[in-house]
Amino acid sequence: YVGLTTTTAYGFTFKKQVCLGFVKNLDSEGQAQEVTTEFVLSGNYEVDIAGVRYSAKVNLHSPNLPTQYPDKERGAYLATREEQVAS
């Protein structure tokens, strides 16, 4: 046991279930340790749903979503642009 799933929903873009949650790093005495990238990536994860375990893939960052109109979509997110274009 290393964490807790906080949110889950079907990801239509990915055509699979998507879960968000937290991972803890506890030592043998139950004391919290630093959660590092190496710790997260070295684990083999499963999600327990009503006593049935399903394998899970971990991602450190949000996946890139495919989009039908990448150039139009990219311009819609002004917070991620280096410069704002005056209209």
N, C-alpha and C. Protein backbone atom coordinates (compact mmCIF):
# COMPACT_ATOMS: atom_id res chain seq x y z
N TYR A 1 0.85 -1.17 0.00
CA TYR A 1 0.00 0.00 0.00
C TYR A 1 0.89 1.24 0.00
N VAL A 2 0.71 2.12 -0.98
CA VAL A 2 1.53 3.33 -1.06
C VAL A 2 0.73 4.60 -1.23
N GLY A 3 -0.58 4.53 -1.32
CA GLY A 3 -1.29 5.78 -1.54
C GLY A 3 -2.78 5.62 -1.62
N LEU A 4 -3.37 6.65 -2.19
CA LEU A 4 -4.81 6.76 -2.21
C LEU A 4 -5.25 7.37 -3.53
N THR A 5 -6.24 6.77 -4.16
CA THR A 5 -6.83 7.34 -5.36
C THR A 5 -7.87 8.35 -4.91
N THR A 6 -7.79 9.56 -5.46
CA THR A 6 -8.73 10.62 -5.06
C THR A 6 -9.81 10.88 -6.10
N THR A 7 -9.49 10.64 -7.36
CA THR A 7 -10.42 10.94 -8.45
C THR A 7 -10.28 9.89 -9.53
N THR A 8 -11.39 9.51 -10.11
CA THR A 8 -11.34 8.56 -11.22
C THR A 8 -12.51 8.84 -12.17
N ALA A 9 -12.26 8.59 -13.44
CA ALA A 9 -13.29 8.76 -14.46
C ALA A 9 -12.83 8.05 -15.72
N TYR A 10 -13.75 7.82 -16.61
CA TYR A 10 -13.39 7.22 -17.88
C TYR A 10 -12.81 8.31 -18.78
N GLY A 11 -11.62 8.09 -19.32
CA GLY A 11 -10.99 9.04 -20.24
C GLY A 11 -11.33 8.66 -21.66
N PHE A 12 -12.27 9.35 -22.26
CA PHE A 12 -12.70 9.00 -23.61
C PHE A 12 -11.58 9.16 -24.63
N THR A 13 -10.70 10.14 -24.42
CA THR A 13 -9.57 10.33 -25.33
C THR A 13 -8.62 9.14 -25.29
N PHE A 14 -8.41 8.60 -24.08
CA PHE A 14 -7.49 7.47 -23.90
C PHE A 14 -8.18 6.13 -24.05
N LYS A 15 -9.52 6.15 -24.03
CA LYS A 15 -10.32 4.93 -24.09
C LYS A 15 -9.99 3.97 -22.96
N LYS A 16 -9.79 4.53 -21.76
CA LYS A 16 -9.54 3.75 -20.55
C LYS A 16 -9.84 4.57 -19.31
N GLN A 17 -9.88 3.87 -18.20
CA GLN A 17 -10.12 4.52 -16.92
C GLN A 17 -8.89 5.33 -16.51
N VAL A 18 -9.09 6.52 -15.96
CA VAL A 18 -8.00 7.38 -15.52
C VAL A 18 -8.22 7.66 -14.03
N CYS A 19 -7.16 7.50 -13.24
CA CYS A 19 -7.22 7.76 -11.81
C CYS A 19 -6.18 8.79 -11.42
N LEU A 20 -6.52 9.64 -10.49
CA LEU A 20 -5.58 10.58 -9.90
C LEU A 20 -5.46 10.23 -8.43
N GLY A 21 -4.26 10.40 -7.89
CA GLY A 21 -4.10 10.09 -6.48
C GLY A 21 -2.76 10.53 -5.94
N PHE A 22 -2.47 10.09 -4.73
CA PHE A 22 -1.24 10.44 -4.04
C PHE A 22 -0.45 9.18 -3.72
N VAL A 23 0.88 9.29 -3.78
CA VAL A 23 1.77 8.18 -3.43
C VAL A 23 2.56 8.59 -2.21
N LYS A 24 2.65 7.69 -1.23
CA LYS A 24 3.45 7.92 -0.02
C LYS A 24 4.66 7.01 -0.07
N ASN A 25 5.71 7.42 0.61
CA ASN A 25 6.92 6.61 0.76
C ASN A 25 7.13 6.41 2.25
N LEU A 26 6.70 5.27 2.77
CA LEU A 26 6.83 4.96 4.19
C LEU A 26 7.94 3.94 4.40
N ASP A 27 8.76 4.16 5.43
CA ASP A 27 9.81 3.19 5.74
C ASP A 27 9.20 2.00 6.49
N SER A 28 10.02 1.05 6.90
CA SER A 28 9.52 -0.17 7.55
C SER A 28 8.84 0.11 8.88
N GLU A 29 9.09 1.28 9.47
CA GLU A 29 8.45 1.64 10.74
C GLU A 29 7.24 2.55 10.53
N GLY A 30 6.88 2.80 9.27
CA GLY A 30 5.72 3.63 8.97
C GLY A 30 5.99 5.11 8.98
N GLN A 31 7.27 5.50 9.02
CA GLN A 31 7.63 6.91 9.01
C GLN A 31 7.71 7.42 7.57
N ALA A 32 7.16 8.61 7.35
CA ALA A 32 7.14 9.19 6.00
C ALA A 32 8.55 9.57 5.56
N GLN A 33 8.88 9.18 4.34
CA GLN A 33 10.16 9.52 3.71
C GLN A 33 9.87 10.39 2.49
N GLU A 34 10.91 10.99 1.94
CA GLU A 34 10.76 11.82 0.76
C GLU A 34 10.27 10.98 -0.42
N VAL A 35 9.32 11.52 -1.15
CA VAL A 35 8.83 10.88 -2.37
C VAL A 35 9.63 11.46 -3.53
N THR A 36 10.46 10.63 -4.14
CA THR A 36 11.31 11.07 -5.24
C THR A 36 10.78 10.50 -6.55
N THR A 37 11.26 11.08 -7.63
CA THR A 37 10.91 10.57 -8.96
C THR A 37 11.30 9.10 -9.07
N GLU A 38 12.49 8.77 -8.59
CA GLU A 38 12.97 7.38 -8.66
C GLU A 38 12.05 6.44 -7.89
N PHE A 39 11.60 6.87 -6.70
CA PHE A 39 10.70 6.04 -5.91
C PHE A 39 9.41 5.77 -6.67
N VAL A 40 8.81 6.82 -7.21
CA VAL A 40 7.53 6.67 -7.92
C VAL A 40 7.69 5.77 -9.14
N LEU A 41 8.73 5.99 -9.93
CA LEU A 41 8.91 5.22 -11.16
C LEU A 41 9.34 3.78 -10.91
N SER A 42 9.89 3.48 -9.74
CA SER A 42 10.36 2.12 -9.47
C SER A 42 9.25 1.19 -9.00
N GLY A 43 8.07 1.73 -8.71
CA GLY A 43 6.99 0.90 -8.19
C GLY A 43 6.20 0.18 -9.26
N ASN A 44 5.56 -0.90 -8.85
CA ASN A 44 4.57 -1.60 -9.67
C ASN A 44 3.23 -1.34 -8.99
N TYR A 45 2.30 -0.74 -9.71
CA TYR A 45 1.08 -0.26 -9.09
C TYR A 45 -0.15 -1.03 -9.52
N GLU A 46 -1.08 -1.11 -8.56
CA GLU A 46 -2.39 -1.69 -8.80
C GLU A 46 -3.41 -0.83 -8.09
N VAL A 47 -4.62 -0.81 -8.62
CA VAL A 47 -5.73 -0.12 -7.97
C VAL A 47 -6.72 -1.19 -7.53
N ASP A 48 -7.09 -1.14 -6.25
CA ASP A 48 -8.02 -2.11 -5.68
C ASP A 48 -9.43 -1.53 -5.76
N ILE A 49 -10.30 -2.20 -6.51
CA ILE A 49 -11.69 -1.79 -6.63
C ILE A 49 -12.55 -2.95 -6.15
N ALA A 50 -13.16 -2.76 -4.99
CA ALA A 50 -14.04 -3.77 -4.39
C ALA A 50 -13.35 -5.13 -4.26
N GLY A 51 -12.08 -5.11 -3.87
CA GLY A 51 -11.34 -6.34 -3.65
C GLY A 51 -10.70 -6.94 -4.89
N VAL A 52 -10.91 -6.34 -6.04
CA VAL A 52 -10.29 -6.81 -7.28
C VAL A 52 -9.19 -5.83 -7.64
N ARG A 53 -7.99 -6.35 -7.88
CA ARG A 53 -6.86 -5.49 -8.21
C ARG A 53 -6.65 -5.40 -9.72
N TYR A 54 -6.47 -4.17 -10.18
CA TYR A 54 -6.22 -3.89 -11.59
C TYR A 54 -4.86 -3.22 -11.71
N SER A 55 -4.07 -3.65 -12.70
CA SER A 55 -2.75 -3.04 -12.87
C SER A 55 -2.93 -1.58 -13.29
N ALA A 56 -1.99 -0.75 -12.87
CA ALA A 56 -2.06 0.68 -13.16
C ALA A 56 -0.70 1.16 -13.65
N LYS A 57 -0.73 2.13 -14.54
CA LYS A 57 0.49 2.75 -15.06
C LYS A 57 0.63 4.12 -14.41
N VAL A 58 1.82 4.44 -13.93
CA VAL A 58 2.04 5.72 -13.27
C VAL A 58 2.59 6.74 -14.26
N ASN A 59 2.14 7.97 -14.14
CA ASN A 59 2.66 9.09 -14.92
C ASN A 59 3.01 10.21 -13.95
N LEU A 60 4.17 10.82 -14.14
CA LEU A 60 4.57 11.94 -13.29
C LEU A 60 3.93 13.25 -13.74
N HIS A 61 3.60 13.33 -15.00
CA HIS A 61 3.03 14.55 -15.57
C HIS A 61 1.77 14.21 -16.35
N SER A 62 0.95 15.21 -16.55
CA SER A 62 -0.25 15.01 -17.34
C SER A 62 0.13 14.58 -18.75
N PRO A 63 -0.58 13.62 -19.30
CA PRO A 63 -0.27 13.19 -20.66
C PRO A 63 -0.66 14.26 -21.68
N ASN A 64 0.00 14.24 -22.82
CA ASN A 64 -0.37 15.14 -23.92
C ASN A 64 -1.64 14.59 -24.56
N LEU A 65 -2.65 15.41 -24.63
CA LEU A 65 -3.90 14.97 -25.21
C LEU A 65 -3.89 15.19 -26.71
N PRO A 66 -4.30 14.20 -27.47
CA PRO A 66 -4.40 14.42 -28.92
C PRO A 66 -5.53 15.40 -29.20
N THR A 67 -5.37 16.20 -30.20
CA THR A 67 -6.40 17.16 -30.56
C THR A 67 -6.56 17.22 -32.06
N GLN A 68 -7.75 17.48 -32.51
CA GLN A 68 -8.02 17.51 -33.94
C GLN A 68 -7.43 18.76 -34.59
N TYR A 69 -7.40 19.86 -33.85
CA TYR A 69 -6.90 21.12 -34.39
C TYR A 69 -5.78 21.66 -33.49
N PRO A 70 -4.58 21.08 -33.55
CA PRO A 70 -3.53 21.45 -32.59
C PRO A 70 -3.15 22.92 -32.62
N ASP A 71 -3.08 23.56 -33.79
CA ASP A 71 -2.67 24.97 -33.84
C ASP A 71 -3.72 25.88 -33.22
N LYS A 72 -4.99 25.63 -33.48
CA LYS A 72 -6.05 26.44 -32.90
C LYS A 72 -6.13 26.23 -31.40
N GLU A 73 -5.98 24.99 -30.96
CA GLU A 73 -6.05 24.68 -29.53
C GLU A 73 -4.88 25.32 -28.78
N ARG A 74 -3.70 25.24 -29.33
CA ARG A 74 -2.50 25.75 -28.66
C ARG A 74 -2.65 27.24 -28.36
N GLY A 75 -3.22 28.00 -29.28
CA GLY A 75 -3.39 29.43 -29.10
C GLY A 75 -4.45 29.80 -28.08
N ALA A 76 -5.30 28.87 -27.72
CA ALA A 76 -6.38 29.16 -26.78
C ALA A 76 -5.90 29.26 -25.34
N TYR A 77 -4.75 28.70 -25.03
CA TYR A 77 -4.25 28.67 -23.67
C TYR A 77 -3.22 29.76 -23.48
N LEU A 78 -3.70 30.97 -23.18
CA LEU A 78 -2.81 32.12 -23.07
C LEU A 78 -1.82 32.01 -21.92
N ALA A 79 -2.18 31.32 -20.86
CA ALA A 79 -1.29 31.21 -19.71
C ALA A 79 -0.03 30.43 -20.03
N THR A 80 -0.05 29.60 -21.06
CA THR A 80 1.12 28.80 -21.39
C THR A 80 1.94 29.40 -22.51
N ARG A 81 1.50 30.54 -23.03
CA ARG A 81 2.21 31.17 -24.12
C ARG A 81 3.25 32.13 -23.57
N GLU A 82 4.37 32.27 -24.25
CA GLU A 82 5.43 33.18 -23.82
C GLU A 82 4.99 34.63 -23.95
N GLU A 83 4.30 34.96 -25.02
CA GLU A 83 3.83 36.31 -25.27
C GLU A 83 2.36 36.26 -25.63
N GLN A 84 1.62 37.25 -25.15
CA GLN A 84 0.22 37.32 -25.53
C GLN A 84 0.13 38.19 -26.79
N VAL A 85 -0.62 37.72 -27.75
CA VAL A 85 -0.79 38.43 -29.01
C VAL A 85 -1.97 39.40 -28.86
N ALA A 86 -1.74 40.66 -29.20
CA ALA A 86 -2.83 41.65 -29.12
C ALA A 86 -3.83 41.41 -30.22
N SER A 87 -5.11 41.51 -29.89
CA SER A 87 -6.16 41.29 -30.89
C SER A 87 -6.43 42.57 -31.64
